[in-house]
Amino acid sequence: MRLLYTDSTGHHMPVNFRICDKSEGKTKNDYILEMLIEVLVWGLKPPTPTKSVQTLHIPETPKY
């Protein structure tokens, strides 16, 4: 499972990932939340995260 950052031109860049291990008993949402929290702690400041099937796209913060 990948967490992607999407810039204002639509280019996607992977910023985090997880290998899903069913023995951990976690859902895809659990993994996504873990990854999102990690990148926020690292300093990524997305305006709005959006989720697609197995990838979370984080749009670039607009520059004014």
C-alpha atoms as a PDB file:
ATOM      1  CA  MET A   1       0.000   0.000   0.000  1.00  0.00           C
ATOM      2  CA  ARG A   2       1.419   3.404  -0.983  1.00  0.00           C
ATOM      3  CA  LEU A   3       0.851   6.947   0.203  1.00  0.00           C
ATOM      4  CA  LEU A   4       1.298   9.394  -2.676  1.00  0.00           C
ATOM      5  CA  TYR A   5       1.754  13.148  -2.695  1.00  0.00           C
ATOM      6  CA  THR A   6       0.097  14.835  -5.680  1.00  0.00           C
ATOM      7  CA  ASP A   7       1.419  18.227  -6.779  1.00  0.00           C
ATOM      8  CA  SER A   8      -0.611  20.962  -8.440  1.00  0.00           C
ATOM      9  CA  THR A   9       0.317  19.663 -11.922  1.00  0.00           C
ATOM     10  CA  GLY A  10      -1.030  16.174 -11.162  1.00  0.00           C
ATOM     11  CA  HIS A  11       2.325  14.423 -10.703  1.00  0.00           C
ATOM     12  CA  HIS A  12       2.317  11.754  -7.988  1.00  0.00           C
ATOM     13  CA  MET A  13       5.257  11.076  -5.700  1.00  0.00           C
ATOM     14  CA  PRO A  14       5.381   8.223  -3.158  1.00  0.00           C
ATOM     15  CA  VAL A  15       5.966   9.496   0.388  1.00  0.00           C
ATOM     16  CA  ASN A  16       5.275   6.378   2.495  1.00  0.00           C
ATOM     17  CA  PHE A  17       4.332   2.721   2.134  1.00  0.00           C
ATOM     18  CA  ARG A  18       3.229  -0.351   4.085  1.00  0.00           C
ATOM     19  CA  ILE A  19       3.346  -4.057   3.401  1.00  0.00           C
ATOM     20  CA  CYS A  20      -0.024  -5.379   4.538  1.00  0.00           C
ATOM     21  CA  ASP A  21       0.324  -8.297   6.943  1.00  0.00           C
ATOM     22  CA  LYS A  22      -3.026  -9.930   7.703  1.00  0.00           C
ATOM     23  CA  SER A  23      -1.585 -11.492  10.873  1.00  0.00           C
ATOM     24  CA  GLU A  24      -1.397  -7.972  12.390  1.00  0.00           C
ATOM     25  CA  GLY A  25      -5.192  -7.745  12.249  1.00  0.00           C
ATOM     26  CA  LYS A  26      -5.112  -4.228  10.772  1.00  0.00           C
ATOM     27  CA  THR A  27      -7.455  -2.883   8.128  1.00  0.00           C
ATOM     28  CA  LYS A  28      -6.361  -0.830   5.113  1.00  0.00           C
ATOM     29  CA  ASN A  29      -7.734   2.210   6.933  1.00  0.00           C
ATOM     30  CA  ASP A  30      -5.474   1.431   9.919  1.00  0.00           C
ATOM     31  CA  TYR A  31      -2.426   1.371   7.638  1.00  0.00           C
ATOM     32  CA  ILE A  32      -3.489   4.560   5.839  1.00  0.00           C
ATOM     33  CA  LEU A  33      -3.996   6.388   9.122  1.00  0.00           C
ATOM     34  CA  GLU A  34      -0.544   5.272  10.364  1.00  0.00           C
ATOM     35  CA  MET A  35       1.107   6.473   7.151  1.00  0.00           C
ATOM     36  CA  LEU A  36      -0.744   9.791   7.148  1.00  0.00           C
ATOM     37  CA  ILE A  37       0.180  10.490  10.772  1.00  0.00           C
ATOM     38  CA  GLU A  38       3.839   9.699  10.013  1.00  0.00           C
ATOM     39  CA  VAL A  39       4.108  12.095   7.074  1.00  0.00           C
ATOM     40  CA  LEU A  40       2.331  14.835   9.029  1.00  0.00           C
ATOM     41  CA  VAL A  41       4.866  14.384  11.843  1.00  0.00           C
ATOM     42  CA  TRP A  42       7.640  14.584   9.215  1.00  0.00           C
ATOM     43  CA  GLY A  43       6.303  18.026   8.250  1.00  0.00           C
ATOM     44  CA  LEU A  44       4.179  17.402   5.137  1.00  0.00           C
ATOM     45  CA  LYS A  45       1.258  19.848   5.207  1.00  0.00           C
ATOM     46  CA  PRO A  46      -1.378  18.735   2.690  1.00  0.00           C
ATOM     47  CA  PRO A  47      -4.516  20.855   2.291  1.00  0.00           C
ATOM     48  CA  THR A  48      -6.803  17.842   1.774  1.00  0.00           C
ATOM     49  CA  PRO A  49      -5.989  14.135   1.652  1.00  0.00           C
ATOM     50  CA  THR A  50      -8.106  12.033  -0.693  1.00  0.00           C
ATOM     51  CA  LYS A  51      -8.213   8.249  -0.809  1.00  0.00           C
ATOM     52  CA  SER A  52      -8.339   6.056  -3.870  1.00  0.00           C
ATOM     53  CA  VAL A  53      -8.630   2.274  -3.794  1.00  0.00           C
ATOM     54  CA  GLN A  54      -5.268   1.374  -2.219  1.00  0.00           C
ATOM     55  CA  THR A  55      -3.472   4.682  -2.438  1.00  0.00           C
ATOM     56  CA  LEU A  56      -3.924   7.886  -0.505  1.00  0.00           C
ATOM     57  CA  HIS A  57      -3.248  10.941  -2.652  1.00  0.00           C
ATOM     58  CA  ILE A  58      -2.188  14.080  -0.805  1.00  0.00           C
ATOM     59  CA  PRO A  59      -2.669  17.161  -3.008  1.00  0.00           C
ATOM     60  CA  GLU A  60       0.023  19.840  -2.940  1.00  0.00           C
ATOM     61  CA  THR A  61      -0.641  22.920  -0.828  1.00  0.00           C
ATOM     62  CA  PRO A  62      -1.496  25.756  -3.207  1.00  0.00           C
ATOM     63  CA  LYS A  63       1.081  28.575  -3.352  1.00  0.00           C
ATOM     64  CA  TYR A  64      -0.512  32.015  -3.288  1.00  0.00           C
END
